[in-house]
């Protein structure tokens, strides 16, 4: 912060205690930059764009996600059908029955002579069947139980399923979409910064316009007061001359009309000054009814004639934030085209993680949590989309062409604006020189007219004409000085160097 601005801000703090605020152009600019709401919005948008750029950077990094869920179903998954379950449950009964039936068939094929011989030893078919029943009976029960255990072991019990997973995904090749997205986010941040700079320069331009408008009206207020004092003095002199018989009543009425006109002009200037100060206070964030005094109000010369600056149009085009914004839009449109082109390119990603479930399938169907690590490669290759991506790419290229044309048009307009601003600076300097020359002549004309009137050789009408000419010359001088200031501000804005 330079000393001039520091002094201006200190004056803004100290002067309210005295009932008046002394404002310089630099202090008004500083307060306007702090108070402007749109500029604050632009700064917030710039922070938003910076966070979006940081978000786009994360697309290069692996992403970890955790999933969990529970599901209830009315039926469980069954690996065995009902007939298989029944067969396994009655496995022992079926087996022992079959053995007994087969044994009966075998005993029927044994000759009777054998049975007669065996009968002498107490062995008969019935005794054999009885002994077999004693052996096969317990074995059948045991086999039935074993079959039921097999059926129970094949139960999945999937009516209540708990599952969870932790997945890691690392993009490898996304068709260039991540790179284009990051470039687009960086361009978005630049666009927000350029937008902030454009609004900053617009704020400075508006405060300069309001400041010099107040200064101009303040000087015109003094001029109007001086003119009113002149015509009032003339009116008093004419009234005395009428009383002495040296002037006519018609001359007195003409001077009275001029007094009324001067009072009317004074009222208009006062009203305009009040409204202009209200605008300046609003831009600075001050109370609109506050009493403020501008540092340039008391200066006799508001501007000096300067040499017409030599400007570089190409440098001006590089400085203008509006052009940089349009260039950002062109570049963002191109990156959007690259993102759309990625829709026709293969995409590759690495995946890995840990999957857990209950019941789990890793050691039969167990009613407890268990999981497995996994790693894989995911490849997506677009095959056919009826030209959807191609149409979008063509539309995006059309938008890029439009943005380029708007950029070229803006560049041409800025070139014209710079040249016009240079011309206006030179024209304002010439007007200021002519206005100062006219002022000197009007001062001399008024002096000689007043001298002639006091000597009685010039009429009141001639004095009023001299006063009117003096008023017009002084007013033109004020306008010329303000025009020099504003033309310089316009040139700075056109060059993009308004600081």
Protein backbone atom coordinates (compact mmCIF):
# COMPACT_ATOMS: atom_id res chain seq x y z
CA UNK A 1 0.00 0.00 0.00
CA UNK A 2 1.55 3.33 -1.06
CA UNK A 3 1.68 6.42 1.13
CA UNK A 4 -0.99 8.22 -0.84
CA UNK A 5 -3.52 5.43 -0.36
CA UNK A 6 -2.56 5.07 3.31
CA UNK A 7 -3.15 8.76 3.86
CA UNK A 8 -6.50 8.53 2.10
CA UNK A 9 -7.68 5.66 4.25
CA UNK A 10 -6.46 7.43 7.40
CA UNK A 11 -8.39 10.52 6.39
CA UNK A 12 -11.54 8.41 5.96
CA UNK A 13 -11.16 7.20 9.54
CA UNK A 14 -10.28 10.52 11.19
CA UNK A 15 -12.62 12.93 9.38
CA UNK A 16 -15.98 11.37 10.49
CA UNK A 17 -15.22 12.53 14.01
CA UNK A 18 -15.19 16.07 12.57
CA UNK A 19 -18.52 15.56 10.79
CA UNK A 20 -16.93 15.47 7.32
CA UNK A 21 -15.10 12.82 5.32
CA UNK A 22 -12.23 13.78 3.05
CA UNK A 23 -11.99 11.30 0.19
CA UNK A 24 -9.32 10.96 -2.43
CA UNK A 25 -9.68 9.00 -5.65
CA UNK A 26 -7.50 6.20 -4.25
CA UNK A 27 -9.54 5.93 -1.04
CA UNK A 28 -12.77 5.84 -3.04
CA UNK A 29 -11.33 3.07 -5.18
CA UNK A 30 -10.24 1.06 -2.14
CA UNK A 31 -13.65 1.36 -0.48
CA UNK A 32 -15.48 0.52 -3.72
CA UNK A 33 -13.40 -2.64 -4.18
CA UNK A 34 -14.24 -3.72 -0.61
CA UNK A 35 -17.93 -2.86 -0.90
CA UNK A 36 -18.78 -4.18 -4.37
CA UNK A 37 -21.00 -7.25 -3.94
CA UNK A 38 -20.52 -8.57 -7.47
CA UNK A 39 -16.77 -8.49 -6.95
CA UNK A 40 -17.22 -10.50 -3.74
CA UNK A 41 -19.36 -12.98 -5.67
CA UNK A 42 -16.59 -13.30 -8.27
CA UNK A 43 -14.04 -14.04 -5.55
CA UNK A 44 -16.28 -16.78 -4.14
CA UNK A 45 -16.70 -18.21 -7.65
CA UNK A 46 -12.92 -18.21 -7.94
CA UNK A 47 -12.69 -20.29 -4.74
CA UNK A 48 -15.36 -22.63 -6.12
CA UNK A 49 -13.37 -23.08 -9.34
CA UNK A 50 -10.19 -23.79 -7.33
CA UNK A 51 -11.98 -26.52 -5.35
CA UNK A 52 -13.38 -28.02 -8.57
CA UNK A 53 -9.85 -28.14 -9.98
CA UNK A 54 -8.65 -29.95 -6.84
CA UNK A 55 -11.59 -32.33 -7.17
CA UNK A 56 -10.63 -33.13 -10.77
CA UNK A 57 -7.09 -34.00 -9.63
CA UNK A 58 -8.46 -36.79 -7.45
CA UNK A 59 -9.66 -38.66 -10.56
CA UNK A 60 -6.05 -39.73 -11.14
CA UNK A 61 -5.88 -41.45 -7.74
CA UNK A 62 -7.32 -44.79 -6.61
CA UNK A 63 -10.74 -44.61 -5.02
CA UNK A 64 -11.77 -46.82 -2.10
CA UNK A 65 -15.40 -47.64 -1.39
CA UNK A 66 -17.09 -49.84 1.17
CA UNK A 67 -20.39 -51.62 0.58
CA UNK A 68 -22.62 -53.47 2.98
CA UNK A 69 -26.09 -55.00 2.84
CA UNK A 70 -28.66 -57.40 4.20
CA UNK A 71 -31.31 -59.34 2.28
CA UNK A 72 -34.17 -61.56 3.42
CA UNK A 73 -35.90 -64.01 1.02
CA UNK A 74 -38.93 -66.21 1.50
CA UNK A 75 -37.12 -69.30 0.19
CA UNK A 76 -33.59 -70.52 0.47
CA UNK A 77 -31.44 -71.76 -2.36
CA UNK A 78 -31.51 -75.58 -2.47
CA UNK A 79 -28.79 -77.65 -4.14
CA UNK A 80 -30.89 -80.87 -3.80
CA UNK A 81 -34.40 -81.41 -5.07
CA UNK A 82 -37.14 -82.94 -2.93
CA UNK A 83 -36.70 -86.51 -4.33
CA UNK A 84 -32.97 -86.41 -3.62
CA UNK A 85 -33.62 -85.20 -0.09
CA UNK A 86 -36.15 -88.03 0.51
CA UNK A 87 -33.75 -90.66 -0.90
CA UNK A 88 -30.90 -89.54 1.31
CA UNK A 89 -33.12 -89.35 4.38
CA UNK A 90 -34.28 -92.98 3.85
CA UNK A 91 -30.96 -94.27 2.62
CA UNK A 92 -30.59 -96.97 5.35
CA UNK A 93 -34.20 -98.19 5.04
CA UNK A 94 -33.93 -98.50 1.28
CA UNK A 95 -30.58 -100.28 1.53
CA UNK A 96 -31.59 -102.82 4.21
CA UNK A 97 -34.88 -103.54 2.48
CA UNK A 98 -33.05 -104.18 -0.75
CA UNK A 99 -30.54 -106.49 0.97
CA UNK A 100 -33.31 -108.48 2.62
CA UNK A 101 -35.22 -108.80 -0.62
CA UNK A 102 -32.09 -109.88 -2.45
CA UNK A 103 -31.25 -112.36 0.32
CA UNK A 104 -34.78 -113.82 0.06
CA UNK A 105 -34.35 -114.30 -3.66
CA UNK A 106 -31.00 -116.05 -3.09
CA UNK A 107 -32.45 -118.38 -0.41
CA UNK A 108 -35.26 -119.37 -2.76
CA UNK A 109 -32.69 -120.58 -5.24
CA UNK A 110 -31.03 -122.87 -2.63
CA UNK A 111 -32.09 -126.60 -3.17
CA UNK A 112 -34.41 -128.17 -0.63
CA UNK A 113 -31.83 -130.88 0.15
CA UNK A 114 -29.51 -128.17 1.35
CA UNK A 115 -32.16 -126.70 3.55
CA UNK A 116 -32.94 -130.17 4.93
CA UNK A 117 -29.30 -130.67 5.80
CA UNK A 118 -29.09 -127.19 7.29
CA UNK A 119 -32.29 -127.82 9.16
CA UNK A 120 -30.58 -130.60 11.12
CA UNK A 121 -28.31 -127.86 12.42
CA UNK A 122 -31.17 -125.55 13.28
CA UNK A 123 -30.61 -123.16 10.35
CA UNK A 124 -33.77 -122.19 8.50
CA UNK A 125 -34.68 -119.30 6.15
CA UNK A 126 -36.67 -117.68 8.91
CA UNK A 127 -33.73 -117.79 11.31
CA UNK A 128 -31.45 -116.34 8.68
CA UNK A 129 -33.95 -113.56 7.98
CA UNK A 130 -34.20 -112.90 11.70
CA UNK A 131 -30.47 -112.67 12.16
CA UNK A 132 -30.17 -110.40 9.14
CA UNK A 133 -32.89 -108.15 10.57
CA UNK A 134 -30.97 -107.86 13.82
CA UNK A 135 -27.85 -106.76 11.91
CA UNK A 136 -29.42 -104.65 9.17
CA UNK A 137 -31.92 -102.87 11.44
CA UNK A 138 -29.38 -100.76 13.36
CA UNK A 139 -27.32 -100.30 10.20
CA UNK A 140 -30.40 -98.91 8.38
CA UNK A 141 -31.10 -96.48 11.20
CA UNK A 142 -27.48 -95.34 11.14
CA UNK A 143 -27.55 -94.92 7.37
CA UNK A 144 -30.82 -92.95 7.59
CA UNK A 145 -29.19 -90.63 10.09
CA UNK A 146 -26.13 -90.26 7.88
CA UNK A 147 -28.33 -89.44 4.86
CA UNK A 148 -30.21 -86.81 6.87
CA UNK A 149 -26.92 -85.26 7.91
CA UNK A 150 -25.93 -85.10 4.24
CA UNK A 151 -29.25 -83.35 3.43
CA UNK A 152 -28.70 -80.93 6.30
CA UNK A 153 -25.12 -80.28 5.14
CA UNK A 154 -26.41 -79.28 1.69
CA UNK A 155 -28.77 -76.68 3.16
CA UNK A 156 -27.71 -73.13 2.17
CA UNK A 157 -29.93 -71.21 4.59
CA UNK A 158 -29.82 -68.17 2.29
CA UNK A 159 -33.03 -66.58 3.53
CA UNK A 160 -30.93 -64.18 5.63
CA UNK A 161 -27.87 -62.99 3.74
CA UNK A 162 -25.31 -60.48 5.02
CA UNK A 163 -22.65 -59.20 2.60
CA UNK A 164 -19.98 -56.54 2.56
CA UNK A 165 -17.06 -55.48 0.43
CA UNK A 166 -14.20 -53.00 0.32
CA UNK A 167 -13.29 -52.11 -3.27
CA UNK A 168 -10.30 -50.21 -4.66
CA UNK A 169 -10.51 -48.87 -8.22
CA UNK A 170 -7.51 -47.38 -10.03
CA UNK A 171 -8.16 -45.85 -13.49
CA UNK A 172 -5.48 -46.82 -16.00
CA UNK A 173 -6.81 -45.46 -19.29
CA UNK A 174 -10.10 -43.60 -19.61
CA UNK A 175 -9.76 -42.50 -23.22
CA UNK A 176 -8.12 -39.22 -22.18
CA UNK A 177 -11.26 -38.01 -20.41
CA UNK A 178 -9.54 -37.53 -17.02
CA UNK A 179 -6.73 -35.47 -18.57
CA UNK A 180 -9.25 -33.35 -20.48
CA UNK A 181 -11.37 -32.95 -17.35
CA UNK A 182 -8.37 -31.67 -15.37
CA UNK A 183 -7.42 -29.24 -18.11
CA UNK A 184 -11.01 -28.05 -18.23
CA UNK A 185 -11.05 -27.52 -14.45
CA UNK A 186 -7.80 -25.52 -14.64
CA UNK A 187 -9.31 -23.40 -17.42
CA UNK A 188 -12.40 -22.91 -15.28
CA UNK A 189 -10.21 -21.52 -12.51
CA UNK A 190 -8.51 -19.16 -14.97
CA UNK A 191 -11.92 -18.10 -16.27
CA UNK A 192 -13.08 -17.25 -12.74
CA UNK A 193 -9.87 -15.27 -12.11
CA UNK A 194 -10.30 -13.33 -15.35
CA UNK A 195 -13.94 -12.67 -14.50
CA UNK A 196 -12.86 -11.27 -11.13
CA UNK A 197 -10.29 -9.05 -12.81
CA UNK A 198 -12.86 -7.81 -15.33
CA UNK A 199 -15.29 -6.88 -12.56
CA UNK A 200 -12.48 -5.24 -10.59
CA UNK A 201 -11.61 -3.02 -13.53
CA UNK A 202 -15.30 -2.26 -14.14
CA UNK A 203 -15.65 -1.26 -10.47
CA UNK A 204 -12.67 1.08 -10.74
CA UNK A 205 -14.05 2.53 -13.96
CA UNK A 206 -17.43 3.19 -12.35
CA UNK A 207 -15.92 4.80 -9.25
CA UNK A 208 -13.68 7.02 -11.39
CA UNK A 209 -16.70 8.15 -13.41
CA UNK A 210 -18.69 8.91 -10.26
CA UNK A 211 -15.74 10.66 -8.57
CA UNK A 212 -15.02 13.02 -11.44
CA UNK A 213 -18.72 13.65 -11.94
CA UNK A 214 -18.94 14.92 -8.37
CA UNK A 215 -15.79 17.01 -8.82
CA UNK A 216 -17.20 18.49 -12.03
CA UNK A 217 -20.51 19.41 -10.42
CA UNK A 218 -18.73 20.84 -7.38
CA UNK A 219 -16.72 23.16 -9.61
CA UNK A 220 -19.83 24.05 -11.57
CA UNK A 221 -21.55 24.80 -8.27
CA UNK A 222 -18.80 27.29 -7.46
CA UNK A 223 -19.05 28.67 -10.96
CA UNK A 224 -22.82 29.00 -10.68
CA UNK A 225 -22.42 30.78 -7.34
CA UNK A 226 -19.86 33.16 -8.85
CA UNK A 227 -22.12 33.84 -11.80
CA UNK A 228 -25.07 34.41 -9.46
CA UNK A 229 -22.98 36.90 -7.45
CA UNK A 230 -22.03 38.70 -10.66
CA UNK A 231 -25.58 39.07 -11.94
CA UNK A 232 -26.83 40.06 -8.48
CA UNK A 233 -24.18 42.76 -8.29
CA UNK A 234 -25.12 43.89 -11.78
CA UNK A 235 -28.79 43.87 -10.81
CA UNK A 236 -28.02 46.06 -7.79
CA UNK A 237 -26.01 48.46 -9.90
CA UNK A 238 -28.72 48.67 -12.54
CA UNK A 239 -31.40 49.29 -9.92
CA UNK A 240 -29.34 52.18 -8.58
CA UNK A 241 -28.92 53.53 -12.10
CA UNK A 242 -32.67 53.28 -12.68
CA UNK A 243 -33.25 55.29 -9.52
CA UNK A 244 -30.75 57.88 -10.78
CA UNK A 245 -32.35 57.89 -14.23
CA UNK A 246 -29.29 56.51 -16.04
CA UNK A 247 -30.96 53.18 -16.99
CA UNK A 248 -34.34 52.11 -18.18
CA UNK A 249 -36.78 49.79 -16.41
CA UNK A 250 -36.47 47.42 -19.39
CA UNK A 251 -32.77 46.99 -18.70
CA UNK A 252 -33.56 46.30 -15.07
CA UNK A 253 -36.07 43.60 -15.98
CA UNK A 254 -33.56 41.97 -18.35
CA UNK A 255 -31.00 41.78 -15.54
CA UNK A 256 -33.64 40.43 -13.13
CA UNK A 257 -34.41 37.66 -15.60
CA UNK A 258 -30.72 36.78 -15.67
CA UNK A 259 -30.74 36.63 -11.86
CA UNK A 260 -33.66 34.20 -11.95
CA UNK A 261 -31.90 32.10 -14.57
CA UNK A 262 -28.74 32.02 -12.45
CA UNK A 263 -30.72 30.95 -9.38
CA UNK A 264 -32.42 28.22 -11.42
CA UNK A 265 -29.03 27.02 -12.69
CA UNK A 266 -27.72 27.06 -9.14
CA UNK A 267 -30.62 24.88 -7.97
CA UNK A 268 -30.07 22.37 -10.79
CA UNK A 269 -26.36 22.13 -10.00
CA UNK A 270 -27.09 21.60 -6.29
CA UNK A 271 -29.60 18.86 -7.04
CA UNK A 272 -27.23 17.18 -9.47
CA UNK A 273 -24.38 17.37 -6.97
CA UNK A 274 -26.53 15.81 -4.24
CA UNK A 275 -27.55 12.90 -6.49
CA UNK A 276 -23.98 12.38 -7.72
CA UNK A 277 -22.66 12.25 -4.15
CA UNK A 278 -25.35 9.71 -3.27
CA UNK A 279 -24.14 7.49 -6.14
CA UNK A 280 -20.52 7.89 -5.06
CA UNK A 281 -21.37 7.01 -1.44
CA UNK A 282 -23.34 3.98 -2.56
CA UNK A 283 -20.40 2.71 -4.61
CA UNK A 284 -18.03 3.29 -1.69
CA UNK A 285 -20.34 1.65 0.84
CA UNK A 286 -20.90 4.87 2.79
CA UNK A 287 -24.24 6.23 4.07
CA UNK A 288 -25.97 7.94 1.16
CA UNK A 289 -26.78 11.02 3.21
CA UNK A 290 -23.23 11.30 4.56
CA UNK A 291 -21.23 14.48 4.20
CA UNK A 292 -18.18 13.87 2.05
CA UNK A 293 -15.57 16.17 0.58
CA UNK A 294 -13.36 15.17 -2.34
CA UNK A 295 -9.71 16.08 -2.43
CA UNK A 296 -9.95 17.45 -5.98
CA UNK A 297 -12.87 19.79 -5.25
CA UNK A 298 -10.61 22.71 -4.32
CA UNK A 299 -8.09 22.36 -7.13
CA UNK A 300 -8.09 25.17 -9.67
CA UNK A 301 -6.72 22.97 -12.48
CA UNK A 302 -8.20 19.50 -12.61
CA UNK A 303 -6.08 18.23 -15.49
CA UNK A 304 -3.00 19.08 -17.51
CA UNK A 305 -2.43 18.66 -21.21
CA UNK A 306 -0.40 15.53 -21.87
CA UNK A 307 1.18 14.04 -24.95
CA UNK A 308 -0.97 11.51 -26.76
CA UNK A 309 0.30 8.07 -25.64
CA UNK A 310 1.62 5.51 -28.09
CA UNK A 311 -0.21 2.25 -27.52
CA UNK A 312 0.35 -1.32 -28.62
CA UNK A 313 -2.93 -2.90 -29.69
CA UNK A 314 -1.57 -6.44 -29.32
CA UNK A 315 -0.43 -5.68 -25.78
CA UNK A 316 -3.84 -4.22 -25.02
CA UNK A 317 -5.51 -7.37 -26.33
CA UNK A 318 -3.30 -9.45 -24.04
CA UNK A 319 -4.16 -7.30 -21.03
CA UNK A 320 -7.92 -7.32 -21.44
CA UNK A 321 -9.55 -9.86 -19.10
CA UNK A 322 -12.58 -10.04 -21.40
CA UNK A 323 -10.45 -11.48 -24.20
CA UNK A 324 -8.79 -13.89 -21.81
CA UNK A 325 -12.24 -15.05 -20.72
CA UNK A 326 -13.25 -15.71 -24.33
CA UNK A 327 -9.98 -17.58 -24.93
CA UNK A 328 -10.72 -19.68 -21.84
CA UNK A 329 -14.14 -20.49 -23.28
CA UNK A 330 -12.55 -21.60 -26.57
CA UNK A 331 -10.06 -23.85 -24.75
CA UNK A 332 -12.76 -25.30 -22.51
CA UNK A 333 -14.88 -26.09 -25.57
CA UNK A 334 -11.95 -28.00 -27.07
CA UNK A 335 -11.43 -30.00 -23.88
CA UNK A 336 -15.15 -30.79 -23.81
CA UNK A 337 -14.73 -32.23 -27.31
CA UNK A 338 -11.90 -34.44 -26.02
CA UNK A 339 -14.11 -35.66 -23.17
CA UNK A 340 -16.84 -36.56 -25.66
CA UNK A 341 -14.34 -38.35 -27.92
CA UNK A 342 -13.38 -40.57 -24.98
CA UNK A 343 -16.84 -42.11 -25.24
CA UNK A 344 -15.66 -44.06 -28.33
CA UNK A 345 -12.36 -45.21 -26.80
CA UNK A 346 -11.70 -48.23 -24.55
CA UNK A 347 -11.45 -47.72 -20.82
CA UNK A 348 -9.23 -49.76 -18.52
CA UNK A 349 -9.24 -49.86 -14.74
CA UNK A 350 -7.64 -52.02 -12.05
CA UNK A 351 -9.88 -53.32 -9.29
CA UNK A 352 -9.15 -54.99 -6.01
CA UNK A 353 -10.70 -55.50 -2.63
CA UNK A 354 -12.05 -57.82 -0.01
CA UNK A 355 -15.49 -59.49 -0.14
CA UNK A 356 -17.20 -60.95 2.96
CA UNK A 357 -20.56 -62.71 3.32
CA UNK A 358 -22.67 -64.68 5.77
CA UNK A 359 -23.46 -67.47 4.89
CA UNK A 360 -20.26 -67.94 2.92
CA UNK A 361 -19.34 -70.48 0.22
CA UNK A 362 -15.67 -70.90 0.96
CA UNK A 363 -15.96 -73.99 3.16
CA UNK A 364 -19.35 -75.35 2.32
CA UNK A 365 -22.28 -73.22 3.44
CA UNK A 366 -21.20 -71.81 6.78
CA UNK A 367 -23.30 -69.57 8.97
CA UNK A 368 -20.46 -67.19 9.80
CA UNK A 369 -18.66 -64.30 8.18
CA UNK A 370 -15.81 -65.17 5.89
CA UNK A 371 -14.27 -63.43 2.92
CA UNK A 372 -11.80 -63.49 0.08
CA UNK A 373 -9.31 -61.07 -1.45
CA UNK A 374 -9.69 -60.28 -5.12
CA UNK A 375 -7.90 -58.33 -7.85
CA UNK A 376 -8.86 -57.85 -11.46
CA UNK A 377 -8.80 -55.76 -14.61
CA UNK A 378 -11.93 -54.08 -15.95
CA UNK A 379 -12.01 -53.24 -19.66
CA UNK A 380 -14.89 -51.44 -21.34
CA UNK A 381 -14.90 -51.23 -25.13
CA UNK A 382 -17.73 -49.32 -26.87
CA UNK A 383 -19.01 -51.34 -29.81
CA UNK A 384 -22.07 -49.56 -31.23
CA UNK A 385 -24.04 -46.53 -30.11
CA UNK A 386 -25.76 -45.48 -33.36
CA UNK A 387 -23.38 -42.54 -33.82
CA UNK A 388 -24.40 -40.86 -30.57
CA UNK A 389 -20.85 -39.87 -29.61
CA UNK A 390 -19.99 -38.72 -33.14
CA UNK A 391 -22.99 -36.40 -33.21
CA UNK A 392 -22.05 -34.93 -29.84
CA UNK A 393 -18.44 -34.40 -30.98
CA UNK A 394 -19.65 -32.56 -34.09
CA UNK A 395 -21.91 -30.35 -31.99
CA UNK A 396 -19.03 -29.58 -29.60
CA UNK A 397 -16.75 -28.65 -32.51
CA UNK A 398 -19.48 -26.32 -33.76
CA UNK A 399 -19.58 -24.67 -30.35
CA UNK A 400 -15.77 -24.25 -30.50
CA UNK A 401 -16.08 -22.57 -33.90
CA UNK A 402 -18.69 -20.17 -32.51
CA UNK A 403 -16.43 -19.34 -29.54
CA UNK A 404 -13.51 -18.65 -31.90
CA UNK A 405 -15.63 -16.31 -34.02
CA UNK A 406 -16.79 -14.44 -30.91
CA UNK A 407 -13.16 -14.15 -29.80
CA UNK A 408 -12.11 -12.68 -33.15
CA UNK A 409 -15.02 -10.26 -33.10
CA UNK A 410 -14.16 -9.12 -29.58
CA UNK A 411 -10.52 -8.67 -30.60
CA UNK A 412 -11.57 -6.42 -33.49
CA UNK A 413 -13.87 -4.39 -31.24
CA UNK A 414 -11.12 -3.94 -28.65
CA UNK A 415 -8.74 -2.76 -31.34
CA UNK A 416 -11.35 -0.22 -32.41
CA UNK A 417 -11.96 0.78 -28.80
CA UNK A 418 -8.24 1.35 -28.16
CA UNK A 419 -7.84 3.49 -31.27
CA UNK A 420 -10.95 5.48 -30.40
CA UNK A 421 -9.70 6.02 -26.85
CA UNK A 422 -6.36 7.31 -28.12
CA UNK A 423 -8.21 9.66 -30.46
CA UNK A 424 -10.44 10.87 -27.60
CA UNK A 425 -7.38 11.57 -25.41
CA UNK A 426 -5.85 13.72 -28.14
CA UNK A 427 -9.19 15.41 -28.78
CA UNK A 428 -9.70 16.11 -25.05
CA UNK A 429 -6.23 17.67 -24.80
CA UNK A 430 -6.99 19.96 -27.74
CA UNK A 431 -10.33 20.94 -26.24
CA UNK A 432 -8.64 21.73 -22.94
CA UNK A 433 -6.12 24.03 -24.66
CA UNK A 434 -8.91 25.82 -26.55
CA UNK A 435 -11.05 26.07 -23.40
CA UNK A 436 -8.21 27.63 -21.42
CA UNK A 437 -7.58 30.13 -24.22
CA UNK A 438 -11.30 30.94 -24.30
CA UNK A 439 -11.32 31.36 -20.53
CA UNK A 440 -8.49 33.89 -20.65
CA UNK A 441 -10.28 35.87 -23.34
CA UNK A 442 -13.61 35.67 -21.47
CA UNK A 443 -11.93 36.90 -18.27
CA UNK A 444 -10.46 39.88 -20.13
CA UNK A 445 -13.75 40.54 -21.89
CA UNK A 446 -15.65 40.53 -18.59
CA UNK A 447 -13.03 42.79 -16.97
CA UNK A 448 -13.25 45.35 -19.73
CA UNK A 449 -17.05 45.15 -19.78
CA UNK A 450 -17.27 45.76 -16.03
CA UNK A 451 -14.79 48.63 -16.36
CA UNK A 452 -16.76 50.15 -19.23
CA UNK A 453 -20.03 49.74 -17.36
CA UNK A 454 -18.59 51.44 -14.29
CA UNK A 455 -17.39 54.29 -16.55
CA UNK A 456 -20.85 54.49 -18.12
CA UNK A 457 -19.69 53.79 -21.68
CA UNK A 458 -21.08 50.22 -21.88
CA UNK A 459 -24.67 49.16 -21.36
CA UNK A 460 -25.93 46.52 -18.95
CA UNK A 461 -26.84 44.31 -21.90
CA UNK A 462 -23.22 44.22 -23.03
CA UNK A 463 -22.12 43.34 -19.50
CA UNK A 464 -24.68 40.51 -19.37
CA UNK A 465 -23.37 39.20 -22.69
CA UNK A 466 -19.84 39.29 -21.29
CA UNK A 467 -20.96 37.50 -18.15
CA UNK A 468 -22.76 34.85 -20.20
CA UNK A 469 -19.67 34.37 -22.35
CA UNK A 470 -17.54 34.13 -19.20
CA UNK A 471 -19.91 31.51 -17.71
CA UNK A 472 -19.87 29.48 -20.89
CA UNK A 473 -16.07 29.59 -21.15
CA UNK A 474 -15.59 28.58 -17.52
CA UNK A 475 -18.12 25.77 -17.89
CA UNK A 476 -16.39 24.53 -21.05
CA UNK A 477 -13.05 24.61 -19.22
CA UNK A 478 -14.44 22.44 -16.41
CA UNK A 479 -15.96 20.03 -18.93
CA UNK A 480 -12.68 19.89 -20.87
CA UNK A 481 -10.66 19.15 -17.72
CA UNK A 482 -13.05 16.38 -16.67
CA UNK A 483 -13.07 15.06 -20.25
CA UNK A 484 -9.26 14.80 -20.14
CA UNK A 485 -9.47 12.81 -16.91
CA UNK A 486 -12.21 10.51 -18.18
CA UNK A 487 -10.53 10.00 -21.56
CA UNK A 488 -7.42 8.82 -19.73
CA UNK A 489 -9.53 6.46 -17.63
CA UNK A 490 -11.24 5.17 -20.78
CA UNK A 491 -7.85 4.56 -22.40
CA UNK A 492 -6.60 2.67 -19.35
CA UNK A 493 -9.72 0.52 -19.37
CA UNK A 494 -9.37 -0.11 -23.12
CA UNK A 495 -5.71 -1.07 -22.57
CA UNK A 496 -6.62 -3.32 -19.62
CA UNK A 497 -4.21 -1.43 -17.34
CA UNK A 498 -6.72 0.20 -14.99
CA UNK A 499 -5.14 -0.16 -11.54
